[in-house]
């Protein structure tokens, strides 16, 4: 499966997602897509198989993704201090891949009040891994 991790700013959240997804899902393709070169570089150093930067990279990679993961702002126009363009956000929202978002709020539907960021990232990785394993086993039984 192709797992696309999208992040911006310094790529810190994306870096942690890539590290943990790489460990949890060996053998699957991890693509790092940053809104800027620093974010992409940090995700590549964390173990992504490939990386690309910018609006067109987000649009292109989300079209072919089985999974898209990242901070919640990747679906919001002008999020991350304006790094997420409306076209980027739309591409993430319209991706045919399953979307997994990390809430950046102190509480919310994805992140219970008081949960530390590392705990929230670990939970998101568990959810992605469960989905990928379920989808992979369903695909192998349908052959």
Protein backbone atom coordinates (compact mmCIF):
# COMPACT_ATOMS: atom_id res chain seq x y z
CA UNK A 1 0.00 0.00 0.00
CA UNK A 2 1.04 3.60 -0.61
CA UNK A 3 0.93 5.67 2.57
CA UNK A 4 1.34 9.42 2.10
CA UNK A 5 2.32 11.57 5.08
CA UNK A 6 1.67 15.28 4.56
CA UNK A 7 3.13 17.94 6.84
CA UNK A 8 4.35 21.51 6.79
CA UNK A 9 6.27 23.98 8.90
CA UNK A 10 9.29 22.03 10.28
CA UNK A 11 7.84 18.60 9.59
CA UNK A 12 8.11 17.49 13.22
CA UNK A 13 4.73 15.74 13.35
CA UNK A 14 5.33 14.14 9.95
CA UNK A 15 8.79 12.98 11.05
CA UNK A 16 7.36 11.21 14.09
CA UNK A 17 4.56 9.69 12.00
CA UNK A 18 7.03 8.39 9.41
CA UNK A 19 9.33 6.89 12.07
CA UNK A 20 6.48 5.05 13.76
CA UNK A 21 4.70 4.02 10.56
CA UNK A 22 7.99 2.66 9.16
CA UNK A 23 8.36 0.53 12.27
CA UNK A 24 4.71 -0.61 12.36
CA UNK A 25 4.31 -1.26 8.62
CA UNK A 26 7.52 -2.59 7.07
CA UNK A 27 7.17 -3.38 3.40
CA UNK A 28 4.65 -0.66 2.64
CA UNK A 29 5.58 2.44 0.65
CA UNK A 30 5.86 5.62 2.71
CA UNK A 31 5.86 8.88 0.77
CA UNK A 32 6.71 12.14 2.56
CA UNK A 33 5.03 15.22 1.11
CA UNK A 34 5.97 18.53 2.63
CA UNK A 35 4.60 21.98 2.06
CA UNK A 36 8.23 23.14 2.23
CA UNK A 37 11.68 21.60 1.78
CA UNK A 38 12.46 21.45 5.51
CA UNK A 39 9.34 19.40 6.27
CA UNK A 40 10.08 17.02 3.39
CA UNK A 41 13.72 16.67 4.41
CA UNK A 42 12.86 15.83 8.01
CA UNK A 43 10.37 13.17 6.94
CA UNK A 44 12.87 11.65 4.50
CA UNK A 45 15.51 11.45 7.25
CA UNK A 46 12.93 9.64 9.39
CA UNK A 47 12.71 6.82 6.86
CA UNK A 48 10.26 7.71 4.10
CA UNK A 49 10.86 5.87 0.83
CA UNK A 50 10.37 8.99 -1.28
CA UNK A 51 9.61 12.63 -0.82
CA UNK A 52 8.30 15.62 -2.70
CA UNK A 53 7.58 19.23 -1.88
CA UNK A 54 4.91 21.76 -2.73
CA UNK A 55 1.36 22.15 -3.92
CA UNK A 56 1.62 19.97 -7.00
CA UNK A 57 3.35 17.23 -4.99
CA UNK A 58 0.44 17.19 -2.55
CA UNK A 59 -2.08 17.07 -5.38
CA UNK A 60 -0.23 14.34 -7.31
CA UNK A 61 0.55 12.06 -4.37
CA UNK A 62 -2.87 12.29 -2.74
CA UNK A 63 -4.50 11.16 -6.01
CA UNK A 64 -2.68 7.82 -5.84
CA UNK A 65 -2.64 7.24 -2.08
CA UNK A 66 -4.18 4.32 -0.27
CA UNK A 67 -3.73 6.20 3.03
CA UNK A 68 -3.11 9.89 3.77
CA UNK A 69 -1.97 10.85 7.26
CA UNK A 70 -0.89 14.06 8.94
CA UNK A 71 -1.89 16.84 11.28
CA UNK A 72 -5.52 17.96 11.05
CA UNK A 73 -4.60 21.22 9.38
CA UNK A 74 -3.81 19.48 6.09
CA UNK A 75 -7.52 19.51 5.23
CA UNK A 76 -8.08 23.20 6.06
CA UNK A 77 -7.57 26.06 3.63
CA UNK A 78 -4.80 28.40 4.77
CA UNK A 79 -3.84 26.27 7.79
CA UNK A 80 -0.29 26.12 9.18
CA UNK A 81 0.14 29.88 8.92
CA UNK A 82 -0.96 29.80 5.29
CA UNK A 83 1.26 26.93 4.13
CA UNK A 84 -1.77 24.80 3.21
CA UNK A 85 -3.25 26.32 0.08
CA UNK A 86 -6.91 25.74 -0.78
CA UNK A 87 -5.79 23.40 -3.61
CA UNK A 88 -3.67 21.35 -1.19
CA UNK A 89 -6.47 21.03 1.35
CA UNK A 90 -8.96 20.06 -1.36
CA UNK A 91 -6.56 17.42 -2.73
CA UNK A 92 -6.16 15.86 0.70
CA UNK A 93 -9.92 15.92 1.35
CA UNK A 94 -10.70 14.42 -2.07
CA UNK A 95 -8.02 11.73 -2.00
CA UNK A 96 -9.38 8.24 -2.69
CA UNK A 97 -7.17 7.04 0.17
CA UNK A 98 -8.37 6.64 3.73
CA UNK A 99 -7.67 9.82 5.68
CA UNK A 100 -6.11 9.72 9.17
CA UNK A 101 -5.75 13.08 10.92
CA UNK A 102 -4.03 14.04 14.13
CA UNK A 103 -5.95 16.64 16.13
CA UNK A 104 -3.73 19.55 17.02
CA UNK A 105 -6.18 20.82 19.63
CA UNK A 106 -5.84 19.99 23.31
CA UNK A 107 -9.04 18.06 22.96
CA UNK A 108 -11.30 17.11 20.12
CA UNK A 109 -12.73 14.11 18.32
CA UNK A 110 -9.29 12.63 17.65
CA UNK A 111 -7.46 13.63 20.83
CA UNK A 112 -8.94 13.33 24.33
CA UNK A 113 -8.24 16.18 26.74
CA UNK A 114 -4.92 15.71 28.47
CA UNK A 115 -3.51 13.22 25.97
CA UNK A 116 0.14 13.96 25.17
CA UNK A 117 1.16 14.46 21.54
CA UNK A 118 3.30 11.30 21.52
CA UNK A 119 0.35 9.27 22.81
CA UNK A 120 -1.90 10.78 20.13
CA UNK A 121 0.67 9.95 17.42
CA UNK A 122 0.99 6.37 18.71
CA UNK A 123 -2.79 5.98 18.63
CA UNK A 124 -2.98 7.33 15.08
CA UNK A 125 -0.25 4.91 13.98
CA UNK A 126 -2.16 2.00 15.58
CA UNK A 127 -5.29 3.03 13.66
CA UNK A 128 -3.39 3.31 10.36
CA UNK A 129 -1.66 -0.05 10.92
CA UNK A 130 -4.96 -1.77 11.72
CA UNK A 131 -6.56 -0.33 8.59
CA UNK A 132 -3.61 -1.27 6.35
CA UNK A 133 -3.46 -4.82 7.72
CA UNK A 134 -7.22 -5.26 7.33
CA UNK A 135 -7.22 -3.85 3.79
CA UNK A 136 -4.19 -5.95 2.81
CA UNK A 137 -5.74 -9.18 4.11
CA UNK A 138 -9.04 -8.37 2.37
CA UNK A 139 -7.18 -7.82 -0.90
CA UNK A 140 -5.27 -11.11 -0.58
CA UNK A 141 -8.46 -13.12 0.12
CA UNK A 142 -10.24 -11.64 -2.89
CA UNK A 143 -7.56 -12.87 -5.28
